[in-house]
Protein backbone atom coordinates (compact mmCIF):
# COMPACT_ATOMS: atom_id res chain seq x y z
CA UNK A 1 0.00 0.00 0.00
CA UNK A 2 1.31 3.42 -0.93
CA UNK A 3 0.54 6.64 0.85
CA UNK A 4 1.72 10.16 0.21
CA UNK A 5 1.34 13.06 2.61
CA UNK A 6 3.30 16.22 3.22
CA UNK A 7 3.16 19.52 5.04
CA UNK A 8 6.64 21.01 5.13
CA UNK A 9 8.25 17.60 5.34
CA UNK A 10 6.66 14.29 4.55
CA UNK A 11 7.51 10.73 3.73
CA UNK A 12 6.38 7.98 1.43
CA UNK A 13 6.68 4.31 2.19
CA UNK A 14 5.89 1.04 0.48
CA UNK A 15 4.82 -1.87 2.62
CA UNK A 16 7.67 -4.23 3.39
CA UNK A 17 10.53 -1.99 2.33
CA UNK A 18 12.00 1.41 3.04
CA UNK A 19 11.32 3.95 0.28
CA UNK A 20 10.99 7.50 1.50
CA UNK A 21 10.54 10.74 -0.39
CA UNK A 22 10.75 14.00 1.54
CA UNK A 23 9.07 17.08 0.11
CA UNK A 24 10.12 20.44 1.43
CA UNK A 25 8.44 23.67 0.36
CA UNK A 26 9.99 26.84 1.73
CA UNK A 27 9.76 30.51 0.88
CA UNK A 28 12.77 30.40 -1.46
CA UNK A 29 11.91 27.20 -3.34
CA UNK A 30 8.12 27.46 -3.59
CA UNK A 31 6.48 25.43 -6.31
CA UNK A 32 9.82 24.34 -7.80
CA UNK A 33 10.73 22.64 -4.52
CA UNK A 34 7.35 20.87 -4.54
CA UNK A 35 7.82 19.76 -8.17
CA UNK A 36 11.28 18.42 -7.34
CA UNK A 37 9.88 16.31 -4.50
CA UNK A 38 6.95 15.15 -6.62
CA UNK A 39 9.44 13.93 -9.23
CA UNK A 40 10.92 11.60 -6.62
CA UNK A 41 7.43 10.37 -5.74
CA UNK A 42 6.64 9.72 -9.41
CA UNK A 43 9.87 7.76 -9.81
CA UNK A 44 8.83 5.49 -6.94
CA UNK A 45 5.37 4.97 -8.46
CA UNK A 46 6.76 4.17 -11.91
CA UNK A 47 9.23 1.74 -10.38
CA UNK A 48 6.69 -0.25 -8.35
CA UNK A 49 3.38 0.35 -10.19
CA UNK A 50 4.24 0.92 -13.88
CA UNK A 51 0.95 -0.49 -15.20
CA UNK A 52 -1.36 1.63 -13.00
CA UNK A 53 -2.94 5.02 -13.61
CA UNK A 54 -1.75 7.46 -10.98
CA UNK A 55 -3.59 10.51 -9.63
CA UNK A 56 -2.16 13.15 -7.29
CA UNK A 57 -4.66 15.07 -5.16
CA UNK A 58 -3.64 18.50 -3.85
CA UNK A 59 -5.35 21.19 -1.85
CA UNK A 60 -5.84 24.51 -3.61
CA UNK A 61 -2.87 26.36 -2.14
CA UNK A 62 -1.30 29.26 -4.03
CA UNK A 63 1.94 27.31 -4.36
CA UNK A 64 0.14 24.43 -6.08
CA UNK A 65 -1.85 26.66 -8.48
CA UNK A 66 1.07 28.88 -9.52
CA UNK A 67 1.39 29.21 -13.29
CA UNK A 68 4.43 29.63 -15.49
CA UNK A 69 5.85 33.15 -15.70
CA UNK A 70 5.02 33.44 -19.41
CA UNK A 71 1.54 31.89 -19.19
CA UNK A 72 -1.37 33.62 -20.94
CA UNK A 73 -2.99 36.45 -19.00
CA UNK A 74 -5.18 39.21 -20.44
CA UNK A 75 -4.77 41.43 -17.39
CA UNK A 76 -3.04 44.73 -18.33
CA UNK A 77 -2.61 43.57 -21.92
CA UNK A 78 -2.70 46.66 -24.18
CA UNK A 79 -5.32 47.05 -26.86
CA UNK A 80 -3.03 48.47 -29.53
CA UNK A 81 0.28 47.43 -31.05
CA UNK A 82 3.37 48.25 -28.98
CA UNK A 83 5.80 50.99 -29.93
CA UNK A 84 9.37 50.01 -30.89
CA UNK A 85 10.74 51.76 -27.79
CA UNK A 86 8.16 50.26 -25.43
CA UNK A 87 7.43 46.66 -26.43
CA UNK A 88 4.88 45.10 -24.08
CA UNK A 89 5.89 41.99 -22.18
CA UNK A 90 6.32 40.45 -18.75
CA UNK A 91 8.73 41.47 -16.03
CA UNK A 92 9.88 38.23 -14.45
CA UNK A 93 12.50 37.24 -11.90
CA UNK A 94 15.94 36.63 -13.37
CA UNK A 95 17.49 33.22 -12.69
CA UNK A 96 20.95 31.84 -13.35
CA UNK A 97 21.74 28.58 -15.15
CA UNK A 98 21.20 26.62 -11.93
CA UNK A 99 17.72 28.11 -11.48
CA UNK A 100 18.67 30.36 -8.56
CA UNK A 101 17.35 33.91 -8.30
CA UNK A 102 19.68 36.73 -9.32
CA UNK A 103 19.76 39.68 -6.91
CA UNK A 104 20.80 43.27 -7.51
CA UNK A 105 23.39 45.02 -5.35
CA UNK A 106 20.72 45.28 -2.67
CA UNK A 107 18.31 42.57 -1.55
CA UNK A 108 15.84 42.90 -4.44
CA UNK A 109 15.47 40.25 -7.12
CA UNK A 110 16.56 41.45 -10.55
CA UNK A 111 13.75 41.65 -13.15
CA UNK A 112 14.13 40.88 -16.86
CA UNK A 113 11.86 41.24 -19.90
CA UNK A 114 10.13 38.12 -21.21
CA UNK A 115 7.59 37.60 -23.97
CA UNK A 116 4.23 36.06 -23.13
CA UNK A 117 3.72 32.59 -24.53
CA UNK A 118 1.68 31.87 -27.66
CA UNK A 119 -2.10 31.51 -27.58
CA UNK A 120 -4.08 28.78 -29.38
CA UNK A 121 -6.66 29.26 -32.14
CA UNK A 122 -8.29 26.41 -34.08
CA UNK A 123 -5.90 24.01 -32.33
CA UNK A 124 -2.91 25.86 -33.79
CA UNK A 125 -0.41 28.18 -32.07
CA UNK A 126 -1.29 31.86 -32.35
CA UNK A 127 1.74 34.09 -31.73
CA UNK A 128 1.01 37.24 -29.76
CA UNK A 129 4.05 39.01 -31.24
CA UNK A 130 4.87 39.90 -34.83
CA UNK A 131 7.78 37.90 -36.32
CA UNK A 132 11.23 39.43 -36.05
CA UNK A 133 11.37 39.90 -39.83
CA UNK A 134 8.06 41.81 -40.01
CA UNK A 135 8.45 44.87 -42.32
CA UNK A 136 6.82 47.42 -39.99
CA UNK A 137 6.49 45.86 -36.50
CA UNK A 138 9.41 43.42 -36.05
CA UNK A 139 9.07 41.50 -32.80
CA UNK A 140 6.43 43.85 -31.36
CA UNK A 141 3.36 42.82 -29.39
CA UNK A 142 0.31 42.74 -31.68
CA UNK A 143 -2.23 44.11 -29.21
CA UNK A 144 -5.62 42.76 -28.16
CA UNK A 145 -7.42 44.25 -31.17
CA UNK A 146 -5.33 42.44 -33.77
CA UNK A 147 -5.38 39.20 -31.76
CA UNK A 148 -9.20 39.30 -31.64
CA UNK A 149 -9.36 40.05 -35.38
CA UNK A 150 -7.26 36.95 -36.03
CA UNK A 151 -9.83 35.00 -34.01
CA UNK A 152 -12.64 36.21 -36.29
CA UNK A 153 -14.13 39.07 -34.25
CA UNK A 154 -15.42 42.20 -36.01
CA UNK A 155 -15.34 45.85 -34.94
CA UNK A 156 -12.78 45.05 -32.28
CA UNK A 157 -11.44 48.60 -32.28
CA UNK A 158 -14.78 49.76 -30.81
CA UNK A 159 -14.57 47.31 -27.89
CA UNK A 160 -13.32 48.19 -24.45
CA UNK A 161 -9.74 47.19 -23.60
CA UNK A 162 -10.96 44.49 -21.18
CA UNK A 163 -13.92 42.98 -23.00
CA UNK A 164 -15.85 39.74 -22.26
CA UNK A 165 -14.98 38.43 -25.72
CA UNK A 166 -11.35 38.07 -24.63
CA UNK A 167 -12.20 35.24 -22.20
CA UNK A 168 -10.93 32.62 -24.62
CA UNK A 169 -10.46 28.99 -23.46
CA UNK A 170 -6.70 29.09 -24.00
CA UNK A 171 -6.47 32.05 -21.61
CA UNK A 172 -8.78 30.56 -18.99
CA UNK A 173 -7.68 26.91 -19.04
CA UNK A 174 -4.00 27.44 -18.34
CA UNK A 175 -2.34 24.57 -16.47
CA UNK A 176 -0.37 25.32 -13.35
CA UNK A 177 3.33 24.45 -13.14
CA UNK A 178 2.43 21.48 -10.96
CA UNK A 179 -0.15 20.18 -13.46
CA UNK A 180 2.23 20.59 -16.39
CA UNK A 181 5.07 18.91 -14.48
CA UNK A 182 2.93 15.88 -13.60
CA UNK A 183 1.34 15.68 -17.08
CA UNK A 184 4.78 15.33 -18.66
CA UNK A 185 5.17 12.05 -16.75
CA UNK A 186 1.63 10.85 -17.48
CA UNK A 187 0.19 11.67 -14.03
CA UNK A 188 -3.21 13.25 -13.42
CA UNK A 189 -3.65 16.09 -10.93
CA UNK A 190 -6.84 16.94 -9.03
CA UNK A 191 -7.22 20.10 -6.95
CA UNK A 192 -9.69 20.09 -4.09
CA UNK A 193 -12.09 23.08 -3.89
CA UNK A 194 -11.19 26.16 -1.88
CA UNK A 195 -12.89 27.14 1.39
CA UNK A 196 -14.68 23.79 1.84
CA UNK A 197 -12.93 21.87 4.60
CA UNK A 198 -15.68 19.21 4.58
CA UNK A 199 -14.65 18.33 1.01
CA UNK A 200 -10.91 18.36 1.72
CA UNK A 201 -9.94 15.05 3.31
CA UNK A 202 -6.28 16.13 3.19
CA UNK A 203 -7.03 18.69 5.91
CA UNK A 204 -8.66 15.93 7.96
CA UNK A 205 -5.41 13.96 7.71
CA UNK A 206 -3.45 17.02 8.86
CA UNK A 207 -5.79 17.41 11.82
CA UNK A 208 -5.28 13.76 12.76
CA UNK A 209 -1.51 14.15 12.43
CA UNK A 210 -1.55 17.25 14.67
CA UNK A 211 -3.47 15.31 17.32
CA UNK A 212 -0.88 12.51 17.15
CA UNK A 213 1.92 15.09 17.34
CA UNK A 214 0.54 16.55 20.59
CA UNK A 215 0.49 13.06 22.11
CA UNK A 216 4.20 12.50 21.46
CA UNK A 217 6.77 13.42 24.12
CA UNK A 218 8.58 16.70 23.56
CA UNK A 219 11.99 16.25 21.96
CA UNK A 220 14.58 18.55 20.43
CA UNK A 221 14.18 16.95 17.01
CA UNK A 222 10.82 18.49 16.08
CA UNK A 223 11.06 17.23 12.51
CA UNK A 224 11.36 13.63 13.71
CA UNK A 225 8.11 13.93 15.68
CA UNK A 226 6.36 15.51 12.71
CA UNK A 227 7.42 12.74 10.32
CA UNK A 228 6.40 10.08 12.84
CA UNK A 229 2.99 11.72 13.23
CA UNK A 230 2.39 11.78 9.48
CA UNK A 231 3.50 8.16 9.08
CA UNK A 232 1.25 7.03 11.96
CA UNK A 233 -2.01 7.96 10.22
CA UNK A 234 -3.72 4.61 9.52
CA UNK A 235 -4.75 3.85 5.96
CA UNK A 236 -8.24 3.02 7.26
CA UNK A 237 -8.52 6.53 8.73
CA UNK A 238 -7.49 8.07 5.41
CA UNK A 239 -10.22 6.06 3.69
CA UNK A 240 -12.77 7.15 6.30
CA UNK A 241 -11.86 10.80 5.76
CA UNK A 242 -12.24 10.37 2.00
CA UNK A 243 -15.64 8.68 2.42
CA UNK A 244 -16.70 11.50 4.74
CA UNK A 245 -15.99 14.02 1.99
CA UNK A 246 -17.73 11.87 -0.62
CA UNK A 247 -20.91 11.75 1.47
CA UNK A 248 -20.90 15.55 1.69
CA UNK A 249 -20.47 15.72 -2.10
CA UNK A 250 -23.44 13.40 -2.52
CA UNK A 251 -25.50 15.70 -0.31
CA UNK A 252 -24.59 18.76 -2.35
CA UNK A 253 -25.51 16.88 -5.54
CA UNK A 254 -29.00 16.46 -4.07
CA UNK A 255 -29.30 20.24 -3.73
CA UNK A 256 -28.68 20.43 0.03
CA UNK A 257 -27.04 23.39 1.69
CA UNK A 258 -24.32 23.10 4.34
CA UNK A 259 -26.71 22.80 7.30
CA UNK A 260 -28.88 20.22 5.57
CA UNK A 261 -25.87 18.20 4.43
CA UNK A 262 -24.50 18.12 8.00
CA UNK A 263 -27.87 16.89 9.28
CA UNK A 264 -28.01 14.17 6.60
CA UNK A 265 -24.49 13.05 7.55
CA UNK A 266 -25.75 12.24 11.05
CA UNK A 267 -29.12 10.86 9.95
CA UNK A 268 -27.69 8.46 7.37
CA UNK A 269 -24.29 7.87 8.98
CA UNK A 270 -24.46 4.15 8.15
CA UNK A 271 -25.03 4.73 4.44
CA UNK A 272 -22.43 5.28 1.73
CA UNK A 273 -24.78 7.75 0.05
CA UNK A 274 -28.15 9.43 0.57
CA UNK A 275 -31.04 7.00 -0.11
CA UNK A 276 -32.60 7.47 -3.53
CA UNK A 277 -36.07 8.06 -2.01
CA UNK A 278 -34.77 10.86 0.25
CA UNK A 279 -35.58 13.90 -1.86
CA UNK A 280 -34.79 17.48 -0.86
CA UNK A 281 -38.41 18.03 0.23
CA UNK A 282 -38.41 14.88 2.39
CA UNK A 283 -35.17 15.88 4.09
CA UNK A 284 -36.39 19.40 4.82
CA UNK A 285 -39.61 17.95 6.27
CA UNK A 286 -37.70 15.53 8.48
CA UNK A 287 -35.45 18.33 9.77
CA UNK A 288 -38.53 20.27 10.98
CA UNK A 289 -39.88 17.32 13.00
């Protein structure tokens, strides 16, 4: 049985042998540190379960949902074509060949110019910049108006700079760095919804681990206690937490609100799902009795 869990440090183990993968996310590493640790986890999965389909489930933290620096974003994108002396682009952090941030003489990170990545239209790449050999606008940003014209829109010069028509799928459905990193290895990523702790069984595991941590004797090696707490969560408890979230999801699918779903959880605690004959009207009537 394989289990993966991490907070700042975590471990992965396969039954009967010692295979551990520690993931450490700090302020300097961020999502790249997480991706590096996930790569180790994927190597273990490919080694021991090459024929299986693997899915990673993450909570919706900012680190997990961070996109690439040159990913598509219509925010602050100019409507018209850029001038030669002021080409529009992204100001991103400069990194050296090893991937480390480059700082100025002070403590600030040095910024460099970077072009935004290409869009997609009719399943083909759509460059946002004119080619470098263009006769009048070499290498300049096209502007929102020309980009919309290429997509088949009319009278785009009369539209506002931030118009609803610019909500194209290739701008909205941009994968995060974590999704892209896992997809390259054939792994699927699922993000749990924000602000719904009853649907996030990962948080239930953290709560269980914190309770175990408080029961351990105080030692100088705090990290050792934390790893032991995470590894001590039983697989059966993880499954119970997941089923708890699934029952809430089933309640929401029936049109229940949070209060009604919590009541149903207690009423039908022995069921895997809400009975088919328990309609929304029946549940509301039972709650008033």
